[in-house]
Each structure stands twice: as structure tokens, then as C-alpha cells.
Amino acid sequence: MLRTVNRMLLLLVVAIAISVSSASSIPAEVPHNPLEHDSLHAPHFDGAEHNLQYDHEAFLGPDESKKFDNLSPEESKRRLGVIFDRIDEDKDGLVTLSELKNWISFTQRRYIEEDTGRLWRQHNPDNNATISWEAYRDSVYSFLNDLSAEELAQEENGISYKGLLKRDRRRWAVADQDLDDSLTREEFTAFLHPEDHPTMRDVVLQETVEDLDKDKDGKINEDEYIGDMYRPSEANEEEPEWVASEREAFAKYRDTDGDGYLTETEVRQWITPQDFDHSESEAKHLIFEADVDHDEKLTKAEVLDKYDAFVGSQATEFGEALARHDEF
């Protein structure tokens, strides 16, 4: 799951913004993906800097990551050791890529199911078979009724309440496979977690292009691509070296037809490359971080020595195993 950018997290990000103002076919040194931001909208990778908070929040959630922050290193390592034993399917004392991938896939599915269940109960307290758009809008957006037209249209960083409502309405329509303007539990899951649902890929692509396409010409130029990662703090500020590297990546790896723009097809290949497996990518990332002897397997000692790389990853069951004392 790319970080996720789930629906409620997006609402939180937009509310903050307005109130106060991955892996692909390209080399690892240019990992920027516009879907990967933490709750404060800081990118997963900022040039050469790896934002661990993205991993913590994407896989634990903001609330669970705060709970984990209160654990001592000793307690964190003890609990992570228990997790290691669960991941090690054949009990040979080593965690392989396949075992870690399987574990991450399991915890991803569990997170999506539990998150959907929580929001289903919140917006559908009578547990009806479906949730209508009208009921959902009243539950989430009723406060918009008290805003003026000017307040609805006011933008911060290109985002407005009016635009967010329009985006949700469109996403709802795509998730609504039987066209009754109500969502079943399965359809509601696709609405909340579109990045993980095959029928929602086009709407995820459309939303990404809209976020990056500041001049609204339907394409992403180099400055728009860079603007998602870097904005100078003052006029005539010299760009950091990593920005130059990203400009080179744009020309060499992203803009495959060399016309100076990213089309929807090129953006699709960038953010959701064909045959990309997020669980495998995350497993490789964790092994890369902790595999000291480079044998592509992890011992318990390697995992515990690099425990901070696993905090908040899907390998920690989104904090369920690390934050629930009764499992230990």
C-alpha cells in the first residue's frame, strides 16, 4: 500500500492546510512518488533525505505512531523480537524476502479491513447494507452548509473544500459499480482505499495529475514535477543538488517521449508501474535497511539492531502487535 493517502488522512491534511494557510523501473536514487507523503505533507523522500515519519504513519497511522513513540527502545526491541518469530514461517531463525512480503501483505489487508470497518460503523451506525451518497455527505461535509461561496472556493496550495467535495463525489461514482448512488461495504472499501483497488486506478491517476498540474493544461511540465518536491524559500535561491538530479530524472526516466511534459500514460508508469508489487517493494526496502551481511535474509539480531527502520512498517502489523500489550 503506498501510503497511503487514505480518504480520512486526506481530509486531515486539507483541513490543516486550509485552516492555517516508488518503486518503478527507474533507479533507486530517484525514488520520488507524489502519492507518498506523511500527515504533514512532507514527502517520503526529500532529495537524499529519507523521511522515516512517512513509514511510521503510513503503516501505523498517526495515532498508533504516537503510542509507539512512548515506548522505550528496550521495549520496542522486545516486541519486535516477538514479531520476528511470527514472520519466520519455517522457524529457521531467518526472515526471507518471501516471508517478509507475505507478512506485509497480510497486515496490509488487515489494516484496510479494520479501517474500513471503523469508518463504516461511523457513517452507517444502523449497519444498513449500503451507505447513500447523501448520508455520507451529510456525515462528512455538513459543515460546508455554513460556509459562504467564497469560503468554499478559497484555495490553499491549490486545494479547496469545494474541490475536495467534487473529488469525493467523483470517486464515489467510480466506486459505485452498480450505479445506485449508494456503496456496499466492498464498494466503500474501494472508495476509501482506491490505491489498493484495481477498479479505482484511473481515478487515482486523475487525482494525481490534478494535484500536480498547476496550470491545468492536462500535462505535467518539469517545473510542476519539481514543485511537488521543492519550493524555494526566496527569489533567486540556488537549487540544491538533489533538485538537479530530479530534473535529470524527469528528462531521462519520466518523460519517455521527450516532449517536455508528462502525459497521463507517463504519470501512470511513474506512480503505478505495471506489475509493481507494493508488499515486495516494502519488504526489499526493509531488508536493504537491515541486512548487514548482504545475504538478502534477516537475522533477529539484524532486525533488532535496526529496529527504528521497522517502527511503523507493515511488518509491525500497523502497531497492532507493538501497541497492544495483551499480545506480549
C-alpha atoms as a PDB file:
ATOM      1  CA  MET A   1       0.000   0.000   0.000  1.00  0.00           C
ATOM      2  CA  LEU A   2       1.503   3.262  -0.960  1.00  0.00           C
ATOM      3  CA  ARG A   3       0.693   5.361   1.719  1.00  0.00           C
ATOM      4  CA  THR A   4      -1.212   5.638   1.639  1.00  0.00           C
ATOM      5  CA  VAL A   5      -3.164   8.569   1.075  1.00  0.00           C
ATOM      6  CA  ASN A   6      -6.306   7.260   2.562  1.00  0.00           C
ATOM      7  CA  ARG A   7      -9.527   9.300   2.475  1.00  0.00           C
ATOM      8  CA  MET A   8      -9.633  10.390   6.087  1.00  0.00           C
ATOM      9  CA  LEU A   9      -5.933  11.224   6.137  1.00  0.00           C
ATOM     10  CA  LEU A  10      -6.512  13.410   3.071  1.00  0.00           C
ATOM     11  CA  LEU A  11      -9.296  15.207   4.903  1.00  0.00           C
ATOM     12  CA  LEU A  12      -6.940  15.857   7.812  1.00  0.00           C
ATOM     13  CA  VAL A  13      -4.219  17.188   5.543  1.00  0.00           C
ATOM     14  CA  VAL A  14      -6.607  19.510   3.707  1.00  0.00           C
ATOM     15  CA  ALA A  15      -8.229  20.743   6.900  1.00  0.00           C
ATOM     16  CA  ILE A  16      -4.831  21.659   8.323  1.00  0.00           C
ATOM     17  CA  ALA A  17      -3.759  23.341   5.082  1.00  0.00           C
ATOM     18  CA  ILE A  18      -6.871  25.465   4.777  1.00  0.00           C
ATOM     19  CA  SER A  19      -7.147  26.336   8.441  1.00  0.00           C
ATOM     20  CA  VAL A  20      -3.556  27.533   8.740  1.00  0.00           C
ATOM     21  CA  SER A  21      -2.926  28.785   5.358  1.00  0.00           C
ATOM     22  CA  SER A  22       8.307   4.143  -5.553  1.00  0.00           C
ATOM     23  CA  ALA A  23       9.462   1.827  -6.723  1.00  0.00           C
ATOM     24  CA  SER A  24       9.363   1.703 -10.507  1.00  0.00           C
ATOM     25  CA  SER A  25      11.605   0.956 -13.451  1.00  0.00           C
ATOM     26  CA  ILE A  26      13.833   3.888 -12.609  1.00  0.00           C
ATOM     27  CA  PRO A  27      16.949   3.616 -10.424  1.00  0.00           C
ATOM     28  CA  ALA A  28      16.708   3.793  -6.632  1.00  0.00           C
ATOM     29  CA  GLU A  29      18.440   7.173  -6.480  1.00  0.00           C
ATOM     30  CA  VAL A  30      15.308   8.893  -7.838  1.00  0.00           C
ATOM     31  CA  PRO A  31      12.522   7.422  -5.671  1.00  0.00           C
ATOM     32  CA  HIS A  32      10.100  10.381  -5.572  1.00  0.00           C
ATOM     33  CA  ASN A  33       6.438   9.395  -5.780  1.00  0.00           C
ATOM     34  CA  PRO A  34       3.736  12.089  -5.352  1.00  0.00           C
ATOM     35  CA  LEU A  35       1.457   9.662  -3.501  1.00  0.00           C
ATOM     36  CA  GLU A  36       3.980   9.267  -0.698  1.00  0.00           C
ATOM     37  CA  HIS A  37       3.551  11.999   1.940  1.00  0.00           C
ATOM     38  CA  ASP A  38       3.137  11.898   5.691  1.00  0.00           C
ATOM     39  CA  SER A  39       0.300  13.624   7.567  1.00  0.00           C
ATOM     40  CA  LEU A  40       2.116  16.963   7.473  1.00  0.00           C
ATOM     41  CA  HIS A  41       2.515  16.546   3.702  1.00  0.00           C
ATOM     42  CA  ALA A  42       6.273  16.047   3.939  1.00  0.00           C
ATOM     43  CA  PRO A  43       7.485  13.724   1.151  1.00  0.00           C
ATOM     44  CA  HIS A  44       8.709  10.206   1.834  1.00  0.00           C
ATOM     45  CA  PHE A  45      11.974  11.137   0.133  1.00  0.00           C
ATOM     46  CA  ASP A  46      13.196  14.725   0.064  1.00  0.00           C
ATOM     47  CA  GLY A  47      16.188  14.615  -2.196  1.00  0.00           C
ATOM     48  CA  ALA A  48      18.675  12.359  -0.447  1.00  0.00           C
ATOM     49  CA  GLU A  49      16.764  12.547   2.854  1.00  0.00           C
ATOM     50  CA  HIS A  50      14.570   9.593   3.855  1.00  0.00           C
ATOM     51  CA  ASN A  51      11.557  10.681   5.910  1.00  0.00           C
ATOM     52  CA  LEU A  52      11.021   7.871   8.423  1.00  0.00           C
ATOM     53  CA  GLN A  53       7.869   9.568   9.665  1.00  0.00           C
ATOM     54  CA  TYR A  54       6.235   8.613   6.386  1.00  0.00           C
ATOM     55  CA  ASP A  55       6.870   4.937   7.128  1.00  0.00           C
ATOM     56  CA  HIS A  56       5.703   5.305  10.715  1.00  0.00           C
ATOM     57  CA  GLU A  57       2.436   6.982   9.771  1.00  0.00           C
ATOM     58  CA  ALA A  58       1.750   5.085   6.580  1.00  0.00           C
ATOM     59  CA  PHE A  59       1.940   1.737   8.351  1.00  0.00           C
ATOM     60  CA  LEU A  60       0.995   2.582  11.934  1.00  0.00           C
ATOM     61  CA  GLY A  61      -1.295   5.515  11.395  1.00  0.00           C
ATOM     62  CA  PRO A  62      -0.677   8.850  13.131  1.00  0.00           C
ATOM     63  CA  ASP A  63      -2.320   7.772  16.391  1.00  0.00           C
ATOM     64  CA  GLU A  64      -0.514   4.454  16.659  1.00  0.00           C
ATOM     65  CA  SER A  65       2.834   6.018  15.763  1.00  0.00           C
ATOM     66  CA  LYS A  66       2.393   8.402  18.691  1.00  0.00           C
ATOM     67  CA  LYS A  67       1.809   5.447  21.009  1.00  0.00           C
ATOM     68  CA  PHE A  68       4.960   3.799  19.736  1.00  0.00           C
ATOM     69  CA  ASP A  69       6.924   6.991  20.363  1.00  0.00           C
ATOM     70  CA  ASN A  70       6.256   6.483  24.068  1.00  0.00           C
ATOM     71  CA  LEU A  71       7.899   3.056  24.178  1.00  0.00           C
ATOM     72  CA  SER A  72      11.483   2.716  25.336  1.00  0.00           C
ATOM     73  CA  PRO A  73      13.993   1.280  22.841  1.00  0.00           C
ATOM     74  CA  GLU A  74      14.262  -1.809  25.033  1.00  0.00           C
ATOM     75  CA  GLU A  75      10.509  -2.428  24.983  1.00  0.00           C
ATOM     76  CA  SER A  76      10.330  -1.726  21.266  1.00  0.00           C
ATOM     77  CA  LYS A  77      13.044  -4.265  20.582  1.00  0.00           C
ATOM     78  CA  ARG A  78      11.417  -6.874  22.820  1.00  0.00           C
ATOM     79  CA  ARG A  79       8.115  -6.582  20.994  1.00  0.00           C
ATOM     80  CA  LEU A  80       9.790  -6.517  17.600  1.00  0.00           C
ATOM     81  CA  GLY A  81      11.550  -9.766  18.537  1.00  0.00           C
ATOM     82  CA  VAL A  82       8.154 -11.402  19.034  1.00  0.00           C
ATOM     83  CA  ILE A  83       7.074 -10.098  15.634  1.00  0.00           C
ATOM     84  CA  PHE A  84      10.218 -11.559  14.051  1.00  0.00           C
ATOM     85  CA  ASP A  85       9.317 -15.034  15.310  1.00  0.00           C
ATOM     86  CA  ARG A  86       5.880 -14.746  13.715  1.00  0.00           C
ATOM     87  CA  ILE A  87       7.279 -13.632  10.370  1.00  0.00           C
ATOM     88  CA  ASP A  88       9.777 -16.531  10.325  1.00  0.00           C
ATOM     89  CA  GLU A  89       7.402 -19.101   8.825  1.00  0.00           C
ATOM     90  CA  ASP A  90       9.818 -22.050   8.677  1.00  0.00           C
ATOM     91  CA  LYS A  91      11.383 -21.245  12.078  1.00  0.00           C
ATOM     92  CA  ASP A  92      14.946 -21.370  10.771  1.00  0.00           C
ATOM     93  CA  GLY A  93      15.941 -18.151  12.539  1.00  0.00           C
ATOM     94  CA  LEU A  94      15.989 -16.147   9.299  1.00  0.00           C
ATOM     95  CA  VAL A  95      13.418 -13.933   7.594  1.00  0.00           C
ATOM     96  CA  THR A  96      13.490 -14.151   3.814  1.00  0.00           C
ATOM     97  CA  LEU A  97      12.102 -11.713   1.268  1.00  0.00           C
ATOM     98  CA  SER A  98       9.174 -14.064   0.635  1.00  0.00           C
ATOM     99  CA  GLU A  99       8.323 -14.361   4.336  1.00  0.00           C
ATOM    100  CA  LEU A 100       8.503 -10.618   4.864  1.00  0.00           C
ATOM    101  CA  LYS A 101       6.434  -9.971   1.755  1.00  0.00           C
ATOM    102  CA  ASN A 102       3.776 -12.423   2.973  1.00  0.00           C
ATOM    103  CA  TRP A 103       3.645 -10.746   6.361  1.00  0.00           C
ATOM    104  CA  ILE A 104       3.342  -7.255   4.885  1.00  0.00           C
ATOM    105  CA  SER A 105       0.569  -8.409   2.538  1.00  0.00           C
ATOM    106  CA  PHE A 106      -1.334  -9.870   5.477  1.00  0.00           C
ATOM    107  CA  THR A 107      -1.007  -6.768   7.622  1.00  0.00           C
ATOM    108  CA  GLN A 108      -1.975  -4.538   4.684  1.00  0.00           C
ATOM    109  CA  ARG A 109      -5.189  -6.463   4.162  1.00  0.00           C
ATOM    110  CA  ARG A 110      -5.927  -6.388   7.871  1.00  0.00           C
ATOM    111  CA  TYR A 111      -5.363  -2.645   8.107  1.00  0.00           C
ATOM    112  CA  ILE A 112      -7.668  -1.907   5.182  1.00  0.00           C
ATOM    113  CA  GLU A 113     -10.379  -4.153   6.613  1.00  0.00           C
ATOM    114  CA  GLU A 114     -10.188  -2.626  10.092  1.00  0.00           C
ATOM    115  CA  ASP A 115     -10.013   0.944   8.799  1.00  0.00           C
ATOM    116  CA  THR A 116     -12.998   0.360   6.528  1.00  0.00           C
ATOM    117  CA  GLY A 117     -14.910  -1.282   9.377  1.00  0.00           C
ATOM    118  CA  ARG A 118     -14.304   1.671  11.686  1.00  0.00           C
ATOM    119  CA  LEU A 119     -15.499   4.220   9.109  1.00  0.00           C
ATOM    120  CA  TRP A 120     -18.398   2.009   8.004  1.00  0.00           C
ATOM    121  CA  ARG A 121     -19.684   1.998  11.591  1.00  0.00           C
ATOM    122  CA  GLN A 122     -19.078   5.729  11.931  1.00  0.00           C
ATOM    123  CA  HIS A 123     -21.025   6.684   8.812  1.00  0.00           C
ATOM    124  CA  ASN A 124     -23.537   3.841   8.953  1.00  0.00           C
ATOM    125  CA  PRO A 125     -24.458   3.414  12.631  1.00  0.00           C
ATOM    126  CA  ASP A 126     -27.571   1.377  11.754  1.00  0.00           C
ATOM    127  CA  ASN A 127     -25.409  -1.069   9.789  1.00  0.00           C
ATOM    128  CA  ASN A 128     -27.516  -0.876   6.662  1.00  0.00           C
ATOM    129  CA  ALA A 129     -26.450  -2.875   3.625  1.00  0.00           C
ATOM    130  CA  THR A 130     -25.333   0.305   1.859  1.00  0.00           C
ATOM    131  CA  ILE A 131     -24.416   3.932   2.540  1.00  0.00           C
ATOM    132  CA  SER A 132     -26.004   6.539   0.282  1.00  0.00           C
ATOM    133  CA  TRP A 133     -24.026   9.492  -1.030  1.00  0.00           C
ATOM    134  CA  GLU A 134     -26.477  11.855   0.647  1.00  0.00           C
ATOM    135  CA  ALA A 135     -25.924  10.215   4.038  1.00  0.00           C
ATOM    136  CA  TYR A 136     -22.167  10.214   3.603  1.00  0.00           C
ATOM    137  CA  ARG A 137     -22.095  13.839   2.508  1.00  0.00           C
ATOM    138  CA  ASP A 138     -24.185  14.860   5.496  1.00  0.00           C
ATOM    139  CA  SER A 139     -21.865  12.956   7.817  1.00  0.00           C
ATOM    140  CA  VAL A 140     -18.582  14.309   6.432  1.00  0.00           C
ATOM    141  CA  TYR A 141     -19.401  17.621   4.781  1.00  0.00           C
ATOM    142  CA  SER A 142     -22.395  19.052   6.626  1.00  0.00           C
ATOM    143  CA  PHE A 143     -20.195  21.889   7.910  1.00  0.00           C
ATOM    144  CA  LEU A 144     -19.959  23.188   4.336  1.00  0.00           C
ATOM    145  CA  ASN A 145     -23.573  24.334   4.608  1.00  0.00           C
ATOM    146  CA  ASP A 146     -22.418  27.095   6.945  1.00  0.00           C
ATOM    147  CA  LEU A 147     -19.682  28.400   4.629  1.00  0.00           C
ATOM    148  CA  SER A 148     -20.058  31.146   2.079  1.00  0.00           C
ATOM    149  CA  ALA A 149     -19.397  30.579  -1.610  1.00  0.00           C
ATOM    150  CA  GLU A 150     -16.139  32.463  -1.201  1.00  0.00           C
ATOM    151  CA  GLU A 151     -15.047  30.269   1.698  1.00  0.00           C
ATOM    152  CA  LEU A 152     -15.927  27.123  -0.231  1.00  0.00           C
ATOM    153  CA  ALA A 153     -13.802  28.199  -3.182  1.00  0.00           C
ATOM    154  CA  GLN A 154     -10.872  29.553  -1.174  1.00  0.00           C
ATOM    155  CA  GLU A 155      -7.704  27.670  -2.053  1.00  0.00           C
ATOM    156  CA  GLU A 156      -4.552  26.920  -0.120  1.00  0.00           C
ATOM    157  CA  ASN A 157      -1.831  25.109  -2.064  1.00  0.00           C
ATOM    158  CA  GLY A 158      -4.373  24.509  -4.826  1.00  0.00           C
ATOM    159  CA  ILE A 159      -6.897  22.765  -2.529  1.00  0.00           C
ATOM    160  CA  SER A 160     -10.357  23.977  -1.545  1.00  0.00           C
ATOM    161  CA  TYR A 161     -13.321  22.464   0.280  1.00  0.00           C
ATOM    162  CA  LYS A 162     -15.339  22.777  -2.900  1.00  0.00           C
ATOM    163  CA  GLY A 163     -12.675  20.900  -4.837  1.00  0.00           C
ATOM    164  CA  LEU A 164     -12.394  18.201  -2.194  1.00  0.00           C
ATOM    165  CA  LEU A 165     -16.149  17.619  -2.229  1.00  0.00           C
ATOM    166  CA  LYS A 166     -16.114  17.413  -6.023  1.00  0.00           C
ATOM    167  CA  ARG A 167     -13.247  14.929  -5.904  1.00  0.00           C
ATOM    168  CA  ASP A 168     -15.047  12.751  -3.373  1.00  0.00           C
ATOM    169  CA  ARG A 169     -18.220  12.812  -5.446  1.00  0.00           C
ATOM    170  CA  ARG A 170     -16.329  11.622  -8.499  1.00  0.00           C
ATOM    171  CA  ARG A 171     -14.500   8.935  -6.552  1.00  0.00           C
ATOM    172  CA  TRP A 172     -17.804   7.785  -5.067  1.00  0.00           C
ATOM    173  CA  ALA A 173     -19.294   7.449  -8.562  1.00  0.00           C
ATOM    174  CA  VAL A 174     -16.363   5.325  -9.731  1.00  0.00           C
ATOM    175  CA  ALA A 175     -16.593   3.058  -6.684  1.00  0.00           C
ATOM    176  CA  ASP A 176     -20.350   2.701  -7.201  1.00  0.00           C
ATOM    177  CA  GLN A 177     -20.238  -0.293  -9.536  1.00  0.00           C
ATOM    178  CA  ASP A 178     -24.000  -0.949  -9.574  1.00  0.00           C
ATOM    179  CA  LEU A 179     -24.819   2.740 -10.190  1.00  0.00           C
ATOM    180  CA  ASP A 180     -27.369   3.124  -7.383  1.00  0.00           C
ATOM    181  CA  ASP A 181     -25.542   6.077  -5.772  1.00  0.00           C
ATOM    182  CA  SER A 182     -25.012   4.003  -2.646  1.00  0.00           C
ATOM    183  CA  LEU A 183     -21.980   1.956  -1.687  1.00  0.00           C
ATOM    184  CA  THR A 184     -21.856  -1.560  -0.361  1.00  0.00           C
ATOM    185  CA  ARG A 185     -19.152  -2.477   2.147  1.00  0.00           C
ATOM    186  CA  GLU A 186     -16.915  -3.672  -0.702  1.00  0.00           C
ATOM    187  CA  GLU A 187     -17.539  -0.524  -2.762  1.00  0.00           C
ATOM    188  CA  PHE A 188     -16.928   1.624   0.306  1.00  0.00           C
ATOM    189  CA  THR A 189     -13.561  -0.095   0.747  1.00  0.00           C
ATOM    190  CA  ALA A 190     -12.637   0.859  -2.818  1.00  0.00           C
ATOM    191  CA  PHE A 191     -13.724   4.448  -2.152  1.00  0.00           C
ATOM    192  CA  LEU A 192     -11.599   4.754   0.989  1.00  0.00           C
ATOM    193  CA  HIS A 193      -8.546   2.899  -0.327  1.00  0.00           C
ATOM    194  CA  PRO A 194      -8.532   3.441  -4.096  1.00  0.00           C
ATOM    195  CA  GLU A 195      -4.783   2.846  -4.464  1.00  0.00           C
ATOM    196  CA  ASP A 196      -5.341  -0.791  -3.477  1.00  0.00           C
ATOM    197  CA  HIS A 197      -8.349  -1.489  -5.696  1.00  0.00           C
ATOM    198  CA  PRO A 198      -7.975  -2.339  -9.415  1.00  0.00           C
ATOM    199  CA  THR A 199     -11.212  -0.613 -10.470  1.00  0.00           C
ATOM    200  CA  MET A 200     -10.007   2.675  -8.960  1.00  0.00           C
ATOM    201  CA  ARG A 201      -6.643   3.047 -10.673  1.00  0.00           C
ATOM    202  CA  ASP A 202      -7.863   5.557 -13.232  1.00  0.00           C
ATOM    203  CA  VAL A 203      -9.347   7.868 -10.612  1.00  0.00           C
ATOM    204  CA  VAL A 204      -6.126   7.712  -8.563  1.00  0.00           C
ATOM    205  CA  LEU A 205      -4.230   8.697 -11.699  1.00  0.00           C
ATOM    206  CA  GLN A 206      -6.664  11.542 -12.411  1.00  0.00           C
ATOM    207  CA  GLU A 207      -6.376  12.882  -8.860  1.00  0.00           C
ATOM    208  CA  THR A 208      -2.579  12.773  -9.005  1.00  0.00           C
ATOM    209  CA  VAL A 209      -2.448  14.651 -12.313  1.00  0.00           C
ATOM    210  CA  GLU A 210      -4.851  17.281 -10.970  1.00  0.00           C
ATOM    211  CA  ASP A 211      -2.695  17.785  -7.874  1.00  0.00           C
ATOM    212  CA  LEU A 212       0.472  18.320  -9.893  1.00  0.00           C
ATOM    213  CA  ASP A 213      -0.971  20.149 -12.911  1.00  0.00           C
ATOM    214  CA  LYS A 214      -0.965  23.695 -11.571  1.00  0.00           C
ATOM    215  CA  ASP A 215      -1.644  25.395 -14.918  1.00  0.00           C
ATOM    216  CA  LYS A 216      -4.480  22.963 -15.690  1.00  0.00           C
ATOM    217  CA  ASP A 217      -3.346  22.086 -19.187  1.00  0.00           C
ATOM    218  CA  GLY A 218      -3.731  18.353 -18.599  1.00  0.00           C
ATOM    219  CA  LYS A 219       0.037  17.703 -18.572  1.00  0.00           C
ATOM    220  CA  ILE A 220       2.859  17.880 -16.053  1.00  0.00           C
ATOM    221  CA  ASN A 221       5.800  20.039 -17.036  1.00  0.00           C
ATOM    222  CA  GLU A 222       9.212  19.894 -15.404  1.00  0.00           C
ATOM    223  CA  ASP A 223       8.581  22.794 -13.019  1.00  0.00           C
ATOM    224  CA  GLU A 224       5.297  21.248 -11.867  1.00  0.00           C
ATOM    225  CA  TYR A 225       7.081  17.955 -11.313  1.00  0.00           C
ATOM    226  CA  ILE A 226       9.790  19.668  -9.255  1.00  0.00           C
ATOM    227  CA  GLY A 227       7.242  21.833  -7.448  1.00  0.00           C
ATOM    228  CA  ASP A 228       5.757  18.780  -5.774  1.00  0.00           C
ATOM    229  CA  MET A 229       9.113  18.252  -4.037  1.00  0.00           C
ATOM    230  CA  TYR A 230      10.795  21.618  -3.770  1.00  0.00           C
ATOM    231  CA  ARG A 231       9.742  25.255  -3.462  1.00  0.00           C
ATOM    232  CA  PRO A 232      12.414  27.937  -2.982  1.00  0.00           C
ATOM    233  CA  SER A 233      12.039  29.914   0.225  1.00  0.00           C
ATOM    234  CA  GLU A 234      13.079  33.130  -1.513  1.00  0.00           C
ATOM    235  CA  ALA A 235      13.533  34.502  -5.011  1.00  0.00           C
ATOM    236  CA  ASN A 236      16.731  33.552  -6.853  1.00  0.00           C
ATOM    237  CA  GLU A 237      17.503  30.835  -4.311  1.00  0.00           C
ATOM    238  CA  GLU A 238      20.039  28.363  -5.679  1.00  0.00           C
ATOM    239  CA  GLU A 239      18.558  24.918  -6.099  1.00  0.00           C
ATOM    240  CA  PRO A 240      20.077  22.059  -4.084  1.00  0.00           C
ATOM    241  CA  GLU A 241      21.992  19.383  -5.956  1.00  0.00           C
ATOM    242  CA  TRP A 242      19.242  16.822  -5.460  1.00  0.00           C
ATOM    243  CA  VAL A 243      16.837  19.053  -7.392  1.00  0.00           C
ATOM    244  CA  ALA A 244      19.198  18.977 -10.351  1.00  0.00           C
ATOM    245  CA  SER A 245      19.191  15.179 -10.054  1.00  0.00           C
ATOM    246  CA  GLU A 246      15.405  15.152 -10.090  1.00  0.00           C
ATOM    247  CA  ARG A 247      15.352  17.378 -13.179  1.00  0.00           C
ATOM    248  CA  GLU A 248      17.645  14.877 -14.846  1.00  0.00           C
ATOM    249  CA  ALA A 249      15.338  12.057 -13.741  1.00  0.00           C
ATOM    250  CA  PHE A 250      12.380  13.873 -15.266  1.00  0.00           C
ATOM    251  CA  ALA A 251      14.091  14.097 -18.637  1.00  0.00           C
ATOM    252  CA  LYS A 252      15.751  10.692 -18.585  1.00  0.00           C
ATOM    253  CA  TYR A 253      13.221   8.398 -16.914  1.00  0.00           C
ATOM    254  CA  ARG A 254       9.830  10.095 -16.567  1.00  0.00           C
ATOM    255  CA  ASP A 255       9.361  11.956 -19.876  1.00  0.00           C
ATOM    256  CA  THR A 256       9.734   8.900 -22.064  1.00  0.00           C
ATOM    257  CA  ASP A 257       8.688  10.599 -25.312  1.00  0.00           C
ATOM    258  CA  GLY A 258      10.961  13.592 -24.710  1.00  0.00           C
ATOM    259  CA  ASP A 259       8.318  16.260 -25.327  1.00  0.00           C
ATOM    260  CA  GLY A 260       8.960  18.116 -22.066  1.00  0.00           C
ATOM    261  CA  TYR A 261       5.718  17.012 -20.409  1.00  0.00           C
ATOM    262  CA  LEU A 262       4.343  14.012 -18.555  1.00  0.00           C
ATOM    263  CA  THR A 263       1.166  12.678 -20.092  1.00  0.00           C
ATOM    264  CA  GLU A 264      -1.320  10.561 -18.151  1.00  0.00           C
ATOM    265  CA  THR A 265       0.335   7.450 -19.559  1.00  0.00           C
ATOM    266  CA  GLU A 266       3.749   8.567 -18.329  1.00  0.00           C
ATOM    267  CA  VAL A 267       2.360   9.543 -14.925  1.00  0.00           C
ATOM    268  CA  ARG A 268       0.698   6.112 -14.667  1.00  0.00           C
ATOM    269  CA  GLN A 269       4.007   4.387 -15.352  1.00  0.00           C
ATOM    270  CA  TRP A 270       5.631   6.604 -12.744  1.00  0.00           C
ATOM    271  CA  ILE A 271       3.234   6.146  -9.830  1.00  0.00           C
ATOM    272  CA  THR A 272       1.766   2.704 -10.595  1.00  0.00           C
ATOM    273  CA  PRO A 273       4.195   0.867 -12.862  1.00  0.00           C
ATOM    274  CA  GLN A 274       2.959  -2.334 -14.441  1.00  0.00           C
ATOM    275  CA  ASP A 275       3.420  -5.474 -12.310  1.00  0.00           C
ATOM    276  CA  PHE A 276       4.522  -3.366  -9.336  1.00  0.00           C
ATOM    277  CA  ASP A 277       4.044  -5.170  -6.014  1.00  0.00           C
ATOM    278  CA  HIS A 278       3.993  -2.776  -3.078  1.00  0.00           C
ATOM    279  CA  SER A 279       4.416  -5.515  -0.466  1.00  0.00           C
ATOM    280  CA  GLU A 280       7.510  -6.818  -2.213  1.00  0.00           C
ATOM    281  CA  SER A 281       8.886  -3.307  -2.628  1.00  0.00           C
ATOM    282  CA  GLU A 282       8.437  -2.548   1.079  1.00  0.00           C
ATOM    283  CA  ALA A 283       9.983  -5.901   2.012  1.00  0.00           C
ATOM    284  CA  LYS A 284      13.024  -5.146  -0.165  1.00  0.00           C
ATOM    285  CA  HIS A 285      13.263  -1.701   1.407  1.00  0.00           C
ATOM    286  CA  LEU A 286      13.326  -3.148   4.932  1.00  0.00           C
ATOM    287  CA  ILE A 287      15.843  -5.834   4.023  1.00  0.00           C
ATOM    288  CA  PHE A 288      18.064  -3.229   2.399  1.00  0.00           C
ATOM    289  CA  GLU A 289      17.934  -1.157   5.580  1.00  0.00           C
ATOM    290  CA  ALA A 290      18.820  -4.010   7.963  1.00  0.00           C
ATOM    291  CA  ASP A 291      20.746  -6.664   6.021  1.00  0.00           C
ATOM    292  CA  VAL A 292      24.266  -6.053   7.313  1.00  0.00           C
ATOM    293  CA  ASP A 293      25.888  -9.142   5.780  1.00  0.00           C
ATOM    294  CA  HIS A 294      24.084  -8.665   2.428  1.00  0.00           C
ATOM    295  CA  ASP A 295      22.809 -12.240   2.209  1.00  0.00           C
ATOM    296  CA  GLU A 296      19.265 -10.998   1.412  1.00  0.00           C
ATOM    297  CA  LYS A 297      17.951 -12.534   4.633  1.00  0.00           C
ATOM    298  CA  LEU A 298      17.465 -11.030   8.063  1.00  0.00           C
ATOM    299  CA  THR A 299      18.528 -12.451  11.385  1.00  0.00           C
ATOM    300  CA  LYS A 300      16.771 -11.365  14.552  1.00  0.00           C
ATOM    301  CA  ALA A 301      19.922  -9.500  15.587  1.00  0.00           C
ATOM    302  CA  GLU A 302      19.925  -7.523  12.314  1.00  0.00           C
ATOM    303  CA  VAL A 303      16.273  -6.588  12.755  1.00  0.00           C
ATOM    304  CA  LEU A 304      16.702  -5.517  16.368  1.00  0.00           C
ATOM    305  CA  ASP A 305      19.887  -3.584  15.636  1.00  0.00           C
ATOM    306  CA  LYS A 306      17.942  -1.595  13.024  1.00  0.00           C
ATOM    307  CA  TYR A 307      14.644  -1.561  14.907  1.00  0.00           C
ATOM    308  CA  ASP A 308      13.960   2.085  14.051  1.00  0.00           C
ATOM    309  CA  ALA A 309      13.644   1.114  10.377  1.00  0.00           C
ATOM    310  CA  PHE A 310      10.816  -1.264  11.276  1.00  0.00           C
ATOM    311  CA  VAL A 311       8.900   1.104  13.508  1.00  0.00           C
ATOM    312  CA  GLY A 312       5.684   1.806  11.704  1.00  0.00           C
ATOM    313  CA  SER A 313       6.332  -0.558   8.816  1.00  0.00           C
ATOM    314  CA  GLN A 314       3.704  -3.088   7.847  1.00  0.00           C
ATOM    315  CA  ALA A 315       5.993  -5.695   9.358  1.00  0.00           C
ATOM    316  CA  THR A 316       4.918  -4.362  12.752  1.00  0.00           C
ATOM    317  CA  GLU A 317       1.256  -5.016  11.965  1.00  0.00           C
ATOM    318  CA  PHE A 318       0.486  -1.296  11.814  1.00  0.00           C
ATOM    319  CA  GLY A 319       1.191  -1.078  15.536  1.00  0.00           C
ATOM    320  CA  GLU A 320      -1.381  -3.692  16.482  1.00  0.00           C
ATOM    321  CA  ALA A 321       1.335  -6.024  17.703  1.00  0.00           C
ATOM    322  CA  LEU A 322       3.580  -3.297  19.035  1.00  0.00           C
ATOM    323  CA  ALA A 323       0.928  -1.266  20.829  1.00  0.00           C
ATOM    324  CA  ARG A 324      -1.356  -3.957  22.247  1.00  0.00           C
ATOM    325  CA  HIS A 325       0.160  -5.229  25.473  1.00  0.00           C
ATOM    326  CA  ASP A 326      -2.040  -8.326  25.628  1.00  0.00           C
ATOM    327  CA  GLU A 327      -0.246  -9.864  22.647  1.00  0.00           C
ATOM    328  CA  PHE A 328       3.012  -9.949  24.560  1.00  0.00           C
END
